[in-house]
Amino acid sequence: MAERDEFGAFMIGFLVGGVTGAIAALLLTPQSGTETRTLIKEKAIELRDKASESVDDAYQQAEAAAAEARARFDELAQKTKERAEDLQRRGSVVLEEQKAKIKLPGKKAEPKPPSEEVEE
């Protein structure tokens, strides 16, 4: 978030500085109208190019952040899946243990060895 604020502040300062410089150049230099228009055109092209570069940089930073977010999401999804599978296995073991402890009328419950799991 701080990087976004710093970039926004940079862009605002960049634009204000560019406009201020252009105005100062127009007011303080004794040039003909043709020369001034040429200068304005060149500065506008230069400013457009710099703004384009800044936009490209911001786009690349956004792509990198998105790729990092995707990687983190995939990692967390995998961990969550593994934990869910582990909990399911543990739940099955506990369920089988509890089934073994239930006493049926007239019979004693005999715990089954873990190797004799019943699939339902």
Protein backbone atom coordinates (compact mmCIF):
# COMPACT_ATOMS: atom_id res chain seq x y z
CA MET A 1 0.00 0.00 0.00
CA ALA A 2 2.85 2.39 0.81
CA GLU A 3 4.44 1.68 -2.58
CA ARG A 4 1.20 2.73 -4.29
CA ASP A 5 1.14 6.00 -2.31
CA GLU A 6 4.79 6.70 -3.12
CA PHE A 7 4.19 6.06 -6.82
CA GLY A 8 1.13 8.34 -6.82
CA ALA A 9 3.06 11.09 -5.10
CA PHE A 10 5.89 10.67 -7.60
CA MET A 11 3.50 10.96 -10.56
CA ILE A 12 1.84 14.07 -9.15
CA GLY A 13 5.21 15.68 -8.50
CA PHE A 14 6.39 14.69 -11.95
CA LEU A 15 3.38 16.26 -13.67
CA VAL A 16 3.41 19.43 -11.56
CA GLY A 17 7.14 19.84 -12.16
CA GLY A 18 6.74 19.34 -15.89
CA VAL A 19 3.93 21.87 -16.18
CA THR A 20 5.78 24.38 -14.00
CA GLY A 21 8.93 24.01 -16.10
CA ALA A 22 7.00 24.43 -19.32
CA ILE A 23 5.30 27.59 -18.09
CA ALA A 24 8.60 29.03 -16.87
CA ALA A 25 10.24 28.26 -20.21
CA LEU A 26 7.44 29.99 -22.11
CA LEU A 27 7.50 33.10 -19.94
CA LEU A 28 11.23 33.57 -19.55
CA THR A 29 12.65 32.80 -22.98
CA PRO A 30 12.41 35.36 -25.79
CA GLN A 31 11.56 33.18 -28.77
CA SER A 32 9.41 33.53 -31.84
CA GLY A 33 6.00 31.87 -31.98
CA THR A 34 7.25 29.13 -34.30
CA GLU A 35 10.17 28.30 -32.04
CA THR A 36 7.88 28.26 -29.00
CA ARG A 37 5.38 25.95 -30.70
CA THR A 38 8.21 23.61 -31.73
CA LEU A 39 9.55 23.62 -28.18
CA ILE A 40 6.07 22.91 -26.76
CA LYS A 41 5.59 20.06 -29.24
CA GLU A 42 8.95 18.50 -28.34
CA LYS A 43 8.32 18.82 -24.60
CA ALA A 44 4.83 17.32 -25.00
CA ILE A 45 6.30 14.33 -26.85
CA GLU A 46 8.98 13.94 -24.19
CA LEU A 47 6.42 14.15 -21.39
CA ARG A 48 4.17 11.61 -23.15
CA ASP A 49 7.10 9.20 -23.52
CA LYS A 50 8.04 9.50 -19.84
CA ALA A 51 4.42 8.98 -18.78
CA SER A 52 4.23 5.94 -21.04
CA GLU A 53 7.36 4.50 -19.44
CA SER A 54 5.90 5.09 -15.97
CA VAL A 55 2.67 3.35 -16.97
CA ASP A 56 4.65 0.41 -18.38
CA ASP A 57 6.64 0.14 -15.16
CA ALA A 58 3.46 0.23 -13.08
CA TYR A 59 1.92 -2.45 -15.31
CA GLN A 60 4.95 -4.69 -14.88
CA GLN A 61 4.84 -4.22 -11.11
CA ALA A 62 1.14 -5.09 -11.10
CA GLU A 63 1.79 -8.24 -13.14
CA ALA A 64 4.56 -9.30 -10.76
CA ALA A 65 2.30 -8.72 -7.75
CA ALA A 66 -0.50 -10.71 -9.39
CA ALA A 67 1.85 -13.61 -10.16
CA GLU A 68 3.07 -13.60 -6.56
CA ALA A 69 -0.51 -13.56 -5.28
CA ARG A 70 -1.41 -16.49 -7.56
CA ALA A 71 1.59 -18.47 -6.28
CA ARG A 72 0.64 -17.78 -2.66
CA PHE A 73 -2.96 -18.78 -3.35
CA ASP A 74 -1.88 -22.04 -4.99
CA GLU A 75 0.40 -22.81 -2.05
CA LEU A 76 -2.33 -22.10 0.50
CA ALA A 77 -4.86 -24.13 -1.49
CA GLN A 78 -2.48 -27.10 -1.53
CA LYS A 79 -1.84 -26.83 2.22
CA THR A 80 -5.57 -26.59 2.89
CA LYS A 81 -6.23 -29.65 0.74
CA GLU A 82 -3.53 -31.62 2.58
CA ARG A 83 -4.92 -30.60 5.96
CA ALA A 84 -8.45 -31.55 4.94
CA GLU A 85 -7.25 -34.98 3.79
CA ASP A 86 -5.35 -35.43 7.06
CA LEU A 87 -8.43 -34.50 9.10
CA GLN A 88 -10.53 -36.89 7.05
CA ARG A 89 -8.08 -39.73 7.73
CA ARG A 90 -8.00 -38.90 11.44
CA GLY A 91 -11.80 -38.71 11.54
CA SER A 92 -12.07 -42.13 9.91
CA VAL A 93 -9.71 -43.62 12.49
CA VAL A 94 -11.67 -42.06 15.37
CA LEU A 95 -14.95 -43.25 13.85
CA GLU A 96 -13.67 -46.80 13.57
CA GLU A 97 -12.39 -46.69 17.15
CA GLN A 98 -15.77 -45.48 18.39
CA LYS A 99 -17.59 -48.15 16.39
CA ALA A 100 -15.36 -50.75 18.01
CA LYS A 101 -16.23 -49.44 21.47
CA ILE A 102 -19.99 -49.64 20.95
CA LYS A 103 -21.39 -52.65 22.75
CA LEU A 104 -24.04 -54.58 20.93
CA PRO A 105 -26.77 -56.22 23.08
CA GLY A 106 -25.50 -59.56 24.31
CA LYS A 107 -22.08 -59.19 22.73
CA LYS A 108 -18.90 -57.61 23.89
CA ALA A 109 -17.28 -55.24 21.52
CA GLU A 110 -13.93 -56.44 20.39
CA PRO A 111 -11.64 -53.80 19.02
CA LYS A 112 -10.53 -54.55 15.52
CA PRO A 113 -6.88 -54.34 14.69
CA PRO A 114 -6.06 -51.36 12.46
CA SER A 115 -5.17 -53.67 9.56
CA GLU A 116 -8.79 -54.85 9.29
CA GLU A 117 -10.46 -51.63 8.29
CA VAL A 118 -13.92 -51.96 6.83
CA GLU A 119 -14.70 -49.98 3.71
CA GLU A 120 -18.24 -48.73 3.37
